Amino acid sequence: MSFKHVIEMYDLMDSAFVSGTDLKEYFEQRHFSNVEVTTITGNKGKTDFVKVTIKGKNGKSSGGAAPTLGVIGRLGGIGARPEQIGFVSDGDGALACMATAAKLADMQQRGDILEGDIILTTHICPDAPTLPHDPVPFMNSPVDMMTMNQYEVVKEMDAILSIDTTKGNMILNHTGYAITPTVKEGYILRISTDLLEVMKQTSGNMPVTLPITTQDITPYGNNVHHINSIMQPCVVTDSPVVGVALTTQVPVAGCATGATHLVHVEQVVRFVIEVAKLYGVGKCDFFDQKDFELMSSLYGSMKHLLTLDGKVSVS
């Protein structure tokens, strides 16, 4: 059970003064040191990018062959001070990501070492700006999306789970969490049945899925409506990306406080950990390789969707 790690991480992040260094010290106090913190200043403030690497017993970082799972906590900020006091709904992605890292580090200390490496990234900003959005306001970020992708999407990630609060919409009326179809190189592929099975196992309920559109997988900055930034990692990687969305029955603003449900965050943590266990041993596929190759041969590259103007192909 990972409730302890969720509660500890929430208590740490629910502060006007929290920084990436505080998270690094949290791990170091628990005798885990593979944490990197990078402070970046943008036009609207600064934020600390945090990268935690959990090495597997057959992970690529140690010369092994097991695939590497990437886990990204997507958000604008964990706080919107001084406009809002306290931890905002938008911070759930960072909370779930770092609580997962804490649980995995604890498991490693207790001898439960996964097969492959797990790389977990997010950023910590307790005073991010807000942004008008329909039907409820978005959280903005002190840095742009290109910068977030630069520090959160790591080339070693062979597959990515992108965790993001996805409550500010009327698309999915469900309190808990949901997963998206897999996105790879501009294609929105069918939902992974392996991931659906893990959802059933960890939640005890039928799986819930979040519909996404072509608009959602195009890069920010093209003036096209996006449900949020949950799929933005897909514009800078060829690895398959699946969104893990924390959701509610009614629209809740990303800048709303008192809106974090720790029970649902903990469900996401357990889901991610079980995926990590299976992915490293080749028992959890994010997509069907033959399907993808057939689609590509029939319809060609869709990488132009991952550019701002659709005209320049991406490598």
C-alpha atoms as a PDB file:
ATOM      1  CA  MET A   1       0.000   0.000   0.000  1.00  0.00           C
ATOM      2  CA  SER A   2       1.300   3.454  -0.924  1.00  0.00           C
ATOM      3  CA  PHE A   3      -0.937   5.708   1.203  1.00  0.00           C
ATOM      4  CA  LYS A   4       1.952   6.626   3.468  1.00  0.00           C
ATOM      5  CA  HIS A   5       3.988   7.916   0.547  1.00  0.00           C
ATOM      6  CA  VAL A   6       1.038   9.879  -0.871  1.00  0.00           C
ATOM      7  CA  ILE A   7       0.343  11.519   2.491  1.00  0.00           C
ATOM      8  CA  GLU A   8       4.000  12.321   3.138  1.00  0.00           C
ATOM      9  CA  MET A   9       4.477  13.784  -0.328  1.00  0.00           C
ATOM     10  CA  TYR A  10       1.255  15.821  -0.094  1.00  0.00           C
ATOM     11  CA  ASP A  11       2.325  17.211   3.276  1.00  0.00           C
ATOM     12  CA  LEU A  12       5.699  18.167   1.801  1.00  0.00           C
ATOM     13  CA  MET A  13       4.239  19.820  -1.303  1.00  0.00           C
ATOM     14  CA  ASP A  14       1.461  21.720   0.489  1.00  0.00           C
ATOM     15  CA  SER A  15       3.694  24.683   1.268  1.00  0.00           C
ATOM     16  CA  ALA A  16       4.352  28.158  -0.067  1.00  0.00           C
ATOM     17  CA  PHE A  17       8.089  27.525   0.265  1.00  0.00           C
ATOM     18  CA  VAL A  18       8.506  24.004  -1.125  1.00  0.00           C
ATOM     19  CA  SER A  19      11.190  23.486  -3.759  1.00  0.00           C
ATOM     20  CA  GLY A  20      12.758  20.672  -5.701  1.00  0.00           C
ATOM     21  CA  THR A  21      15.563  20.638  -3.148  1.00  0.00           C
ATOM     22  CA  ASP A  22      13.056  19.716  -0.444  1.00  0.00           C
ATOM     23  CA  LEU A  23      12.023  16.682  -2.478  1.00  0.00           C
ATOM     24  CA  LYS A  24      15.646  15.694  -2.999  1.00  0.00           C
ATOM     25  CA  GLU A  25      16.252  15.926   0.752  1.00  0.00           C
ATOM     26  CA  TYR A  26      13.143  13.795   1.364  1.00  0.00           C
ATOM     27  CA  PHE A  27      14.671  10.982  -0.676  1.00  0.00           C
ATOM     28  CA  GLU A  28      18.148  11.439   0.781  1.00  0.00           C
ATOM     29  CA  GLN A  29      16.756  11.136   4.299  1.00  0.00           C
ATOM     30  CA  ARG A  30      15.468   7.735   3.197  1.00  0.00           C
ATOM     31  CA  HIS A  31      18.912   6.753   1.887  1.00  0.00           C
ATOM     32  CA  PHE A  32      18.030   7.225  -1.780  1.00  0.00           C
ATOM     33  CA  SER A  33      20.232   9.616  -3.725  1.00  0.00           C
ATOM     34  CA  ASN A  34      19.436   9.196  -7.438  1.00  0.00           C
ATOM     35  CA  VAL A  35      17.527  12.488  -7.661  1.00  0.00           C
ATOM     36  CA  GLU A  36      18.363  15.448  -9.885  1.00  0.00           C
ATOM     37  CA  VAL A  37      16.965  18.974  -9.473  1.00  0.00           C
ATOM     38  CA  THR A  38      17.259  21.692 -12.126  1.00  0.00           C
ATOM     39  CA  THR A  39      15.942  25.217 -11.548  1.00  0.00           C
ATOM     40  CA  ILE A  40      14.669  27.003 -14.662  1.00  0.00           C
ATOM     41  CA  THR A  41      13.499  30.625 -14.811  1.00  0.00           C
ATOM     42  CA  GLY A  42      10.917  31.668 -17.392  1.00  0.00           C
ATOM     43  CA  ASN A  43       8.990  34.816 -18.256  1.00  0.00           C
ATOM     44  CA  LYS A  44       6.432  34.118 -15.522  1.00  0.00           C
ATOM     45  CA  GLY A  45       8.639  32.929 -12.673  1.00  0.00           C
ATOM     46  CA  LYS A  46      10.732  29.873 -11.944  1.00  0.00           C
ATOM     47  CA  THR A  47      10.261  26.197 -11.265  1.00  0.00           C
ATOM     48  CA  ASP A  48      12.348  23.204 -10.187  1.00  0.00           C
ATOM     49  CA  PHE A  49      12.416  20.182 -12.459  1.00  0.00           C
ATOM     50  CA  VAL A  50      12.875  16.934 -10.548  1.00  0.00           C
ATOM     51  CA  LYS A  51      14.106  13.663 -12.035  1.00  0.00           C
ATOM     52  CA  VAL A  52      14.150  10.441 -10.028  1.00  0.00           C
ATOM     53  CA  THR A  53      15.751   7.316 -11.490  1.00  0.00           C
ATOM     54  CA  ILE A  54      14.899   3.940  -9.976  1.00  0.00           C
ATOM     55  CA  LYS A  55      17.423   1.473 -11.358  1.00  0.00           C
ATOM     56  CA  GLY A  56      16.216  -2.004 -12.236  1.00  0.00           C
ATOM     57  CA  LYS A  57      18.202  -5.184 -11.772  1.00  0.00           C
ATOM     58  CA  ASN A  58      18.346  -5.591 -15.563  1.00  0.00           C
ATOM     59  CA  GLY A  59      17.917  -1.927 -16.447  1.00  0.00           C
ATOM     60  CA  LYS A  60      19.641  -0.183 -19.321  1.00  0.00           C
ATOM     61  CA  SER A  61      21.431   2.199 -16.941  1.00  0.00           C
ATOM     62  CA  SER A  62      23.312  -0.844 -15.622  1.00  0.00           C
ATOM     63  CA  GLY A  63      23.994  -2.372 -19.019  1.00  0.00           C
ATOM     64  CA  GLY A  64      20.890  -4.578 -19.049  1.00  0.00           C
ATOM     65  CA  ALA A  65      18.266  -5.062 -21.729  1.00  0.00           C
ATOM     66  CA  ALA A  66      14.968  -4.486 -19.895  1.00  0.00           C
ATOM     67  CA  PRO A  67      12.900  -1.581 -21.265  1.00  0.00           C
ATOM     68  CA  THR A  68      12.689   1.703 -19.376  1.00  0.00           C
ATOM     69  CA  LEU A  69       9.342   3.118 -18.273  1.00  0.00           C
ATOM     70  CA  GLY A  70       8.939   6.870 -18.059  1.00  0.00           C
ATOM     71  CA  VAL A  71       6.466   8.437 -15.622  1.00  0.00           C
ATOM     72  CA  ILE A  72       5.771  12.140 -16.033  1.00  0.00           C
ATOM     73  CA  GLY A  73       3.825  14.269 -13.560  1.00  0.00           C
ATOM     74  CA  ARG A  74       2.246  16.875 -15.846  1.00  0.00           C
ATOM     75  CA  LEU A  75       1.072  20.225 -14.458  1.00  0.00           C
ATOM     76  CA  GLY A  76       1.400  23.973 -14.560  1.00  0.00           C
ATOM     77  CA  GLY A  77       2.114  24.296 -10.844  1.00  0.00           C
ATOM     78  CA  ILE A  78       1.313  22.788  -7.455  1.00  0.00           C
ATOM     79  CA  GLY A  79       0.199  26.200  -6.197  1.00  0.00           C
ATOM     80  CA  ALA A  80      -1.171  29.465  -7.598  1.00  0.00           C
ATOM     81  CA  ARG A  81      -0.014  31.841  -4.886  1.00  0.00           C
ATOM     82  CA  PRO A  82      -0.799  34.601  -4.097  1.00  0.00           C
ATOM     83  CA  GLU A  83      -4.054  34.238  -6.065  1.00  0.00           C
ATOM     84  CA  GLN A  84      -4.902  30.962  -4.330  1.00  0.00           C
ATOM     85  CA  ILE A  85      -3.743  29.684  -0.933  1.00  0.00           C
ATOM     86  CA  GLY A  86      -2.846  26.030  -0.713  1.00  0.00           C
ATOM     87  CA  PHE A  87      -2.212  23.009  -2.935  1.00  0.00           C
ATOM     88  CA  VAL A  88      -4.184  23.256  -6.189  1.00  0.00           C
ATOM     89  CA  SER A  89      -5.980  20.541  -8.118  1.00  0.00           C
ATOM     90  CA  ASP A  90      -3.437  20.875 -10.923  1.00  0.00           C
ATOM     91  CA  GLY A  91      -0.726  19.574  -8.593  1.00  0.00           C
ATOM     92  CA  ASP A  92      -2.145  16.034  -8.531  1.00  0.00           C
ATOM     93  CA  GLY A  93       0.105  14.940 -11.414  1.00  0.00           C
ATOM     94  CA  ALA A  94       3.265  15.935  -9.561  1.00  0.00           C
ATOM     95  CA  LEU A  95       1.945  14.425  -6.338  1.00  0.00           C
ATOM     96  CA  ALA A  96       1.136  11.070  -7.935  1.00  0.00           C
ATOM     97  CA  CYS A  97       4.449  10.965  -9.799  1.00  0.00           C
ATOM     98  CA  MET A  98       6.633  11.735  -6.790  1.00  0.00           C
ATOM     99  CA  ALA A  99       4.604   9.503  -4.460  1.00  0.00           C
ATOM    100  CA  THR A 100       5.203   6.704  -6.970  1.00  0.00           C
ATOM    101  CA  ALA A 101       8.916   7.483  -6.889  1.00  0.00           C
ATOM    102  CA  ALA A 102       8.880   7.401  -3.084  1.00  0.00           C
ATOM    103  CA  LYS A 103       7.111   4.034  -3.007  1.00  0.00           C
ATOM    104  CA  LEU A 104       9.469   2.538  -5.612  1.00  0.00           C
ATOM    105  CA  ALA A 105      12.505   3.794  -3.694  1.00  0.00           C
ATOM    106  CA  ASP A 106      11.088   2.266  -0.514  1.00  0.00           C
ATOM    107  CA  MET A 107      10.444  -1.026  -2.306  1.00  0.00           C
ATOM    108  CA  GLN A 108      14.045  -1.078  -3.504  1.00  0.00           C
ATOM    109  CA  GLN A 109      15.303  -0.548   0.035  1.00  0.00           C
ATOM    110  CA  ARG A 110      13.220  -3.569   1.097  1.00  0.00           C
ATOM    111  CA  GLY A 111      14.625  -5.811  -1.624  1.00  0.00           C
ATOM    112  CA  ASP A 112      11.806  -5.569  -4.180  1.00  0.00           C
ATOM    113  CA  ILE A 113      13.761  -4.426  -7.226  1.00  0.00           C
ATOM    114  CA  LEU A 114      11.989  -4.176 -10.570  1.00  0.00           C
ATOM    115  CA  GLU A 115      13.463  -5.623 -13.750  1.00  0.00           C
ATOM    116  CA  GLY A 116      13.746  -2.392 -15.744  1.00  0.00           C
ATOM    117  CA  ASP A 117      14.639   1.189 -14.938  1.00  0.00           C
ATOM    118  CA  ILE A 118      11.897   3.669 -14.043  1.00  0.00           C
ATOM    119  CA  ILE A 119      12.505   7.367 -14.729  1.00  0.00           C
ATOM    120  CA  LEU A 120      10.074   9.751 -13.012  1.00  0.00           C
ATOM    121  CA  THR A 121      10.005  13.466 -13.811  1.00  0.00           C
ATOM    122  CA  THR A 122       7.912  16.476 -12.860  1.00  0.00           C
ATOM    123  CA  HIS A 123       8.366  20.076 -11.734  1.00  0.00           C
ATOM    124  CA  ILE A 124       7.680  21.907  -8.500  1.00  0.00           C
ATOM    125  CA  CYS A 125       6.293  25.452  -8.496  1.00  0.00           C
ATOM    126  CA  PRO A 126       4.165  26.686  -5.560  1.00  0.00           C
ATOM    127  CA  ASP A 127       3.348  30.064  -7.166  1.00  0.00           C
ATOM    128  CA  ALA A 128       2.447  29.412 -10.803  1.00  0.00           C
ATOM    129  CA  PRO A 129       0.184  31.812 -12.758  1.00  0.00           C
ATOM    130  CA  THR A 130      -3.325  30.957 -13.996  1.00  0.00           C
ATOM    131  CA  LEU A 131      -4.781  31.110 -17.507  1.00  0.00           C
ATOM    132  CA  PRO A 132      -8.356  31.727 -18.748  1.00  0.00           C
ATOM    133  CA  HIS A 133      -9.912  28.576 -20.245  1.00  0.00           C
ATOM    134  CA  ASP A 134     -13.385  27.223 -20.923  1.00  0.00           C
ATOM    135  CA  PRO A 135     -15.240  25.755 -19.001  1.00  0.00           C
ATOM    136  CA  VAL A 136     -12.962  26.500 -16.020  1.00  0.00           C
ATOM    137  CA  PRO A 137      -9.615  28.312 -15.658  1.00  0.00           C
ATOM    138  CA  PHE A 138      -6.378  26.480 -16.391  1.00  0.00           C
ATOM    139  CA  MET A 139      -3.214  26.636 -14.390  1.00  0.00           C
ATOM    140  CA  ASN A 140      -0.474  28.292 -16.384  1.00  0.00           C
ATOM    141  CA  SER A 141       3.242  27.663 -15.913  1.00  0.00           C
ATOM    142  CA  PRO A 142       6.300  29.836 -15.312  1.00  0.00           C
ATOM    143  CA  VAL A 143       7.986  28.088 -18.274  1.00  0.00           C
ATOM    144  CA  ASP A 144       6.683  27.156 -21.719  1.00  0.00           C
ATOM    145  CA  MET A 145       5.706  23.702 -22.919  1.00  0.00           C
ATOM    146  CA  MET A 146       8.882  23.283 -24.963  1.00  0.00           C
ATOM    147  CA  THR A 147      10.923  23.724 -21.785  1.00  0.00           C
ATOM    148  CA  MET A 148       8.739  21.293 -19.840  1.00  0.00           C
ATOM    149  CA  ASN A 149       9.133  18.654 -22.529  1.00  0.00           C
ATOM    150  CA  GLN A 150      12.878  19.268 -22.631  1.00  0.00           C
ATOM    151  CA  TYR A 151      13.313  18.448 -18.944  1.00  0.00           C
ATOM    152  CA  GLU A 152      10.515  15.925 -18.407  1.00  0.00           C
ATOM    153  CA  VAL A 153      10.697  13.747 -21.530  1.00  0.00           C
ATOM    154  CA  VAL A 154      13.930  11.763 -21.291  1.00  0.00           C
ATOM    155  CA  LYS A 155      15.283   9.975 -24.360  1.00  0.00           C
ATOM    156  CA  GLU A 156      15.820   6.756 -22.385  1.00  0.00           C
ATOM    157  CA  MET A 157      12.063   6.406 -21.790  1.00  0.00           C
ATOM    158  CA  ASP A 158      10.849   3.511 -23.980  1.00  0.00           C
ATOM    159  CA  ALA A 159       7.211   4.104 -23.017  1.00  0.00           C
ATOM    160  CA  ILE A 160       5.596   6.932 -21.074  1.00  0.00           C
ATOM    161  CA  LEU A 161       2.734   7.296 -18.620  1.00  0.00           C
ATOM    162  CA  SER A 162       1.781  10.975 -18.456  1.00  0.00           C
ATOM    163  CA  ILE A 163      -0.170  11.749 -15.254  1.00  0.00           C
ATOM    164  CA  ASP A 164      -2.249  14.913 -15.298  1.00  0.00           C
ATOM    165  CA  THR A 165      -5.235  16.380 -13.486  1.00  0.00           C
ATOM    166  CA  THR A 166      -8.019  16.329 -16.086  1.00  0.00           C
ATOM    167  CA  LYS A 167     -10.970  17.741 -14.191  1.00  0.00           C
ATOM    168  CA  GLY A 168     -11.608  21.014 -16.043  1.00  0.00           C
ATOM    169  CA  ASN A 169     -13.883  19.583 -18.740  1.00  0.00           C
ATOM    170  CA  MET A 170     -17.285  18.052 -19.438  1.00  0.00           C
ATOM    171  CA  ILE A 171     -15.866  15.163 -21.470  1.00  0.00           C
ATOM    172  CA  LEU A 172     -15.500  12.547 -18.752  1.00  0.00           C
ATOM    173  CA  ASN A 173     -17.959  12.583 -15.841  1.00  0.00           C
ATOM    174  CA  HIS A 174     -16.241  10.178 -13.477  1.00  0.00           C
ATOM    175  CA  THR A 175     -14.549  10.677 -10.119  1.00  0.00           C
ATOM    176  CA  GLY A 176     -11.302   8.740  -9.963  1.00  0.00           C
ATOM    177  CA  TYR A 177      -8.905   8.225 -12.827  1.00  0.00           C
ATOM    178  CA  ALA A 178      -8.906   7.154 -16.456  1.00  0.00           C
ATOM    179  CA  ILE A 179      -6.415   6.285 -19.179  1.00  0.00           C
ATOM    180  CA  THR A 180      -6.215   7.481 -22.779  1.00  0.00           C
ATOM    181  CA  PRO A 181      -5.578   5.639 -26.019  1.00  0.00           C
ATOM    182  CA  THR A 182      -1.906   5.195 -26.838  1.00  0.00           C
ATOM    183  CA  VAL A 183      -0.343   7.911 -28.976  1.00  0.00           C
ATOM    184  CA  LYS A 184       2.728   7.154 -31.063  1.00  0.00           C
ATOM    185  CA  GLU A 185       4.320   9.314 -33.771  1.00  0.00           C
ATOM    186  CA  GLY A 186       1.114  11.209 -34.522  1.00  0.00           C
ATOM    187  CA  TYR A 187      -1.201   8.190 -34.489  1.00  0.00           C
ATOM    188  CA  ILE A 188      -3.931   7.786 -31.875  1.00  0.00           C
ATOM    189  CA  LEU A 189      -3.935   4.012 -31.488  1.00  0.00           C
ATOM    190  CA  ARG A 190      -6.387   1.661 -29.824  1.00  0.00           C
ATOM    191  CA  ILE A 191      -6.354   1.486 -26.055  1.00  0.00           C
ATOM    192  CA  SER A 192      -3.943  -1.059 -24.627  1.00  0.00           C
ATOM    193  CA  THR A 193      -5.812  -4.094 -23.292  1.00  0.00           C
ATOM    194  CA  ASP A 194      -2.843  -4.824 -21.018  1.00  0.00           C
ATOM    195  CA  LEU A 195      -3.240  -1.435 -19.347  1.00  0.00           C
ATOM    196  CA  LEU A 196      -6.993  -1.969 -19.041  1.00  0.00           C
ATOM    197  CA  GLU A 197      -6.331  -5.260 -17.248  1.00  0.00           C
ATOM    198  CA  VAL A 198      -4.001  -3.503 -14.808  1.00  0.00           C
ATOM    199  CA  MET A 199      -6.728  -0.906 -14.167  1.00  0.00           C
ATOM    200  CA  LYS A 200      -9.202  -3.650 -13.327  1.00  0.00           C
ATOM    201  CA  GLN A 201      -6.712  -5.381 -11.060  1.00  0.00           C
ATOM    202  CA  THR A 202      -5.716  -2.295  -9.076  1.00  0.00           C
ATOM    203  CA  SER A 203      -9.109  -0.549  -8.868  1.00  0.00           C
ATOM    204  CA  GLY A 204     -11.422  -3.542  -8.551  1.00  0.00           C
ATOM    205  CA  ASN A 205     -13.736  -1.825 -11.030  1.00  0.00           C
ATOM    206  CA  MET A 206     -14.319  -1.781 -14.752  1.00  0.00           C
ATOM    207  CA  PRO A 207     -11.705   0.425 -16.449  1.00  0.00           C
ATOM    208  CA  VAL A 208     -12.519   3.998 -17.411  1.00  0.00           C
ATOM    209  CA  THR A 209     -11.057   5.658 -20.500  1.00  0.00           C
ATOM    210  CA  LEU A 210     -10.588   9.282 -21.502  1.00  0.00           C
ATOM    211  CA  PRO A 211     -11.360  10.186 -25.128  1.00  0.00           C
ATOM    212  CA  ILE A 212      -8.775  12.368 -26.840  1.00  0.00           C
ATOM    213  CA  THR A 213      -8.789  14.055 -30.241  1.00  0.00           C
ATOM    214  CA  THR A 214      -6.242  14.915 -32.887  1.00  0.00           C
ATOM    215  CA  GLN A 215      -6.219  18.436 -31.452  1.00  0.00           C
ATOM    216  CA  ASP A 216      -4.993  17.139 -28.100  1.00  0.00           C
ATOM    217  CA  ILE A 217      -1.863  15.559 -29.589  1.00  0.00           C
ATOM    218  CA  THR A 218      -0.754  18.677 -31.470  1.00  0.00           C
ATOM    219  CA  PRO A 219       1.779  20.937 -29.724  1.00  0.00           C
ATOM    220  CA  TYR A 220       0.805  23.821 -27.497  1.00  0.00           C
ATOM    221  CA  GLY A 221       1.233  27.192 -29.171  1.00  0.00           C
ATOM    222  CA  ASN A 222      -0.719  26.442 -32.376  1.00  0.00           C
ATOM    223  CA  ASN A 223      -3.887  28.225 -31.127  1.00  0.00           C
ATOM    224  CA  VAL A 224      -5.842  24.944 -31.244  1.00  0.00           C
ATOM    225  CA  HIS A 225      -7.973  23.884 -28.265  1.00  0.00           C
ATOM    226  CA  HIS A 226      -6.456  21.133 -26.094  1.00  0.00           C
ATOM    227  CA  ILE A 227      -8.191  19.252 -23.300  1.00  0.00           C
ATOM    228  CA  ASN A 228      -4.994  19.930 -21.303  1.00  0.00           C
ATOM    229  CA  SER A 229      -1.295  19.097 -21.501  1.00  0.00           C
ATOM    230  CA  ILE A 230      -1.649  15.390 -20.734  1.00  0.00           C
ATOM    231  CA  MET A 231      -0.580  14.278 -24.222  1.00  0.00           C
ATOM    232  CA  GLN A 232       2.114  16.907 -24.825  1.00  0.00           C
ATOM    233  CA  PRO A 233       5.015  14.490 -24.235  1.00  0.00           C
ATOM    234  CA  CYS A 234       4.015  12.745 -27.485  1.00  0.00           C
ATOM    235  CA  VAL A 235       5.165  15.702 -29.620  1.00  0.00           C
ATOM    236  CA  VAL A 236       8.849  15.189 -28.743  1.00  0.00           C
ATOM    237  CA  THR A 237       9.242  11.406 -28.620  1.00  0.00           C
ATOM    238  CA  ASP A 238       8.704   8.354 -30.802  1.00  0.00           C
ATOM    239  CA  SER A 239       7.969   6.279 -27.703  1.00  0.00           C
ATOM    240  CA  PRO A 240       4.325   5.391 -27.028  1.00  0.00           C
ATOM    241  CA  VAL A 241       2.557   7.768 -24.638  1.00  0.00           C
ATOM    242  CA  VAL A 242      -0.523   7.014 -22.520  1.00  0.00           C
ATOM    243  CA  GLY A 243      -2.238   9.630 -20.408  1.00  0.00           C
ATOM    244  CA  VAL A 244      -3.319   8.825 -16.857  1.00  0.00           C
ATOM    245  CA  ALA A 245      -5.990  11.374 -15.989  1.00  0.00           C
ATOM    246  CA  LEU A 246      -7.235  12.200 -12.499  1.00  0.00           C
ATOM    247  CA  THR A 247     -10.900  13.018 -13.056  1.00  0.00           C
ATOM    248  CA  THR A 248     -14.118  14.227 -11.420  1.00  0.00           C
ATOM    249  CA  GLN A 249     -17.841  14.077 -12.217  1.00  0.00           C
ATOM    250  CA  VAL A 250     -18.098  17.860 -12.490  1.00  0.00           C
ATOM    251  CA  PRO A 251     -15.693  20.423 -13.985  1.00  0.00           C
ATOM    252  CA  VAL A 252     -13.142  21.558 -11.390  1.00  0.00           C
ATOM    253  CA  ALA A 253     -10.655  24.319 -12.129  1.00  0.00           C
ATOM    254  CA  GLY A 254      -6.979  23.437 -12.100  1.00  0.00           C
ATOM    255  CA  CYS A 255      -6.394  26.385  -9.777  1.00  0.00           C
ATOM    256  CA  ALA A 256      -9.032  25.171  -7.286  1.00  0.00           C
ATOM    257  CA  THR A 257      -7.806  24.303  -3.794  1.00  0.00           C
ATOM    258  CA  GLY A 258      -9.210  21.616  -1.509  1.00  0.00           C
ATOM    259  CA  ALA A 259      -9.895  19.515  -4.607  1.00  0.00           C
ATOM    260  CA  THR A 260      -7.227  16.815  -4.265  1.00  0.00           C
ATOM    261  CA  HIS A 261      -8.584  13.356  -3.439  1.00  0.00           C
ATOM    262  CA  LEU A 262      -5.739  11.387  -1.911  1.00  0.00           C
ATOM    263  CA  VAL A 263      -7.615   8.099  -2.338  1.00  0.00           C
ATOM    264  CA  HIS A 264      -7.628   8.548  -6.100  1.00  0.00           C
ATOM    265  CA  VAL A 265      -4.018   9.696  -6.182  1.00  0.00           C
ATOM    266  CA  GLU A 266      -3.087   6.506  -4.324  1.00  0.00           C
ATOM    267  CA  GLN A 267      -5.020   4.447  -6.881  1.00  0.00           C
ATOM    268  CA  VAL A 268      -2.951   6.025  -9.637  1.00  0.00           C
ATOM    269  CA  VAL A 269       0.266   5.271  -7.743  1.00  0.00           C
ATOM    270  CA  ARG A 270      -0.648   1.583  -7.459  1.00  0.00           C
ATOM    271  CA  PHE A 271      -1.651   1.462 -11.127  1.00  0.00           C
ATOM    272  CA  VAL A 272       1.668   2.946 -12.240  1.00  0.00           C
ATOM    273  CA  ILE A 273       3.696   0.609 -10.036  1.00  0.00           C
ATOM    274  CA  GLU A 274       1.919  -2.484 -11.338  1.00  0.00           C
ATOM    275  CA  VAL A 275       2.438  -1.316 -14.925  1.00  0.00           C
ATOM    276  CA  ALA A 276       6.127  -0.787 -14.129  1.00  0.00           C
ATOM    277  CA  LYS A 277       6.452  -4.331 -12.770  1.00  0.00           C
ATOM    278  CA  LEU A 278       4.946  -5.859 -15.902  1.00  0.00           C
ATOM    279  CA  TYR A 279       6.491  -3.541 -18.475  1.00  0.00           C
ATOM    280  CA  GLY A 280      10.028  -4.328 -17.388  1.00  0.00           C
ATOM    281  CA  VAL A 281       9.503  -8.066 -17.950  1.00  0.00           C
ATOM    282  CA  GLY A 282       7.727  -7.648 -21.291  1.00  0.00           C
ATOM    283  CA  LYS A 283       4.220  -8.449 -20.053  1.00  0.00           C
ATOM    284  CA  CYS A 284       2.543  -5.078 -20.639  1.00  0.00           C
ATOM    285  CA  ASP A 285       2.405  -3.704 -24.173  1.00  0.00           C
ATOM    286  CA  PHE A 286       1.407  -0.099 -24.756  1.00  0.00           C
ATOM    287  CA  PHE A 287       0.563  -0.779 -28.416  1.00  0.00           C
ATOM    288  CA  ASP A 288       0.488  -3.505 -31.045  1.00  0.00           C
ATOM    289  CA  GLN A 289       3.631  -3.223 -33.181  1.00  0.00           C
ATOM    290  CA  LYS A 290       2.091  -5.018 -36.179  1.00  0.00           C
ATOM    291  CA  ASP A 291      -0.969  -2.762 -36.102  1.00  0.00           C
ATOM    292  CA  PHE A 292       1.224   0.315 -36.009  1.00  0.00           C
ATOM    293  CA  GLU A 293       3.402  -0.887 -38.873  1.00  0.00           C
ATOM    294  CA  LEU A 294       0.330  -1.661 -40.973  1.00  0.00           C
ATOM    295  CA  MET A 295      -1.193   1.745 -40.293  1.00  0.00           C
ATOM    296  CA  SER A 296       2.078   3.429 -41.189  1.00  0.00           C
ATOM    297  CA  SER A 297       2.413   1.468 -44.438  1.00  0.00           C
ATOM    298  CA  LEU A 298      -1.166   2.245 -45.462  1.00  0.00           C
ATOM    299  CA  TYR A 299      -1.346   5.898 -44.492  1.00  0.00           C
ATOM    300  CA  GLY A 300       2.227   7.095 -44.083  1.00  0.00           C
ATOM    301  CA  SER A 301       3.785   9.228 -41.394  1.00  0.00           C
ATOM    302  CA  MET A 302       1.603  11.367 -39.150  1.00  0.00           C
ATOM    303  CA  LYS A 303       4.516  13.189 -37.563  1.00  0.00           C
ATOM    304  CA  HIS A 304       3.437  16.447 -39.211  1.00  0.00           C
ATOM    305  CA  LEU A 305       0.703  16.597 -36.557  1.00  0.00           C
ATOM    306  CA  LEU A 306       3.427  17.006 -33.949  1.00  0.00           C
ATOM    307  CA  THR A 307       4.617  20.326 -35.390  1.00  0.00           C
ATOM    308  CA  LEU A 308       3.227  23.813 -34.899  1.00  0.00           C
ATOM    309  CA  ASP A 309       2.289  24.356 -38.540  1.00  0.00           C
ATOM    310  CA  GLY A 310       2.000  20.836 -39.923  1.00  0.00           C
ATOM    311  CA  LYS A 311       4.533  21.611 -42.629  1.00  0.00           C
ATOM    312  CA  VAL A 312       7.875  20.544 -41.205  1.00  0.00           C
ATOM    313  CA  SER A 313       8.480  16.840 -40.647  1.00  0.00           C
ATOM    314  CA  VAL A 314       9.959  15.821 -37.306  1.00  0.00           C
ATOM    315  CA  SER A 315      12.789  13.337 -36.896  1.00  0.00           C
END
